[in-house]
Amino acid sequence: MENNKKQFIELIERYEAITIEEIQECFNEYKENPEAFEVYTTNRWAKKLTGFGSITTCTLCLESAKIGKTAPNCKHCVYNDWIDSKTRQRCTKYETYQAISEANTPTDMFIAMKGRARFMRELLNEKGGEQ
């Protein structure tokens, strides 16, 4: 089945490349003007950095919608192919997702994003073949 493996790899690379300075800059912008950040997401400044936490900005969700020619659909996501779970939002069911959702400082966010990158890279290497 066609899926969003390419976007999964790109997201891993984004998490791996993100710097504490970039996170700090986004955090400062958020603190100065929180209204400029979309309200309906798990962590507004993480969303701006990576598209995290919303099916309208997540690169994996957006690609799954293109593949299925529908609204974002988890059946076209690598998480659906690689993780045994009956829940609809498999990508949200891990500590690394929660850590990003709950990060309150740039340092916490940096650590959380690096943890998410490691989790995703391990999943890719185990299930999707090393790239």
Foldseek 3Di string as FASTA:
>chain_A
DAADVVLLVVLLVLLVPDDLVNLQVLLVVCVVPVVVFDDPFLDRSVCVSAVPGDLVRHPRQVVCCVVVVHHRFCVRYVLVVQPDDPDRCSVCPDPLSVQCSPDDDSVSNSVSSNVVSVVSQVSCVVPVNHD
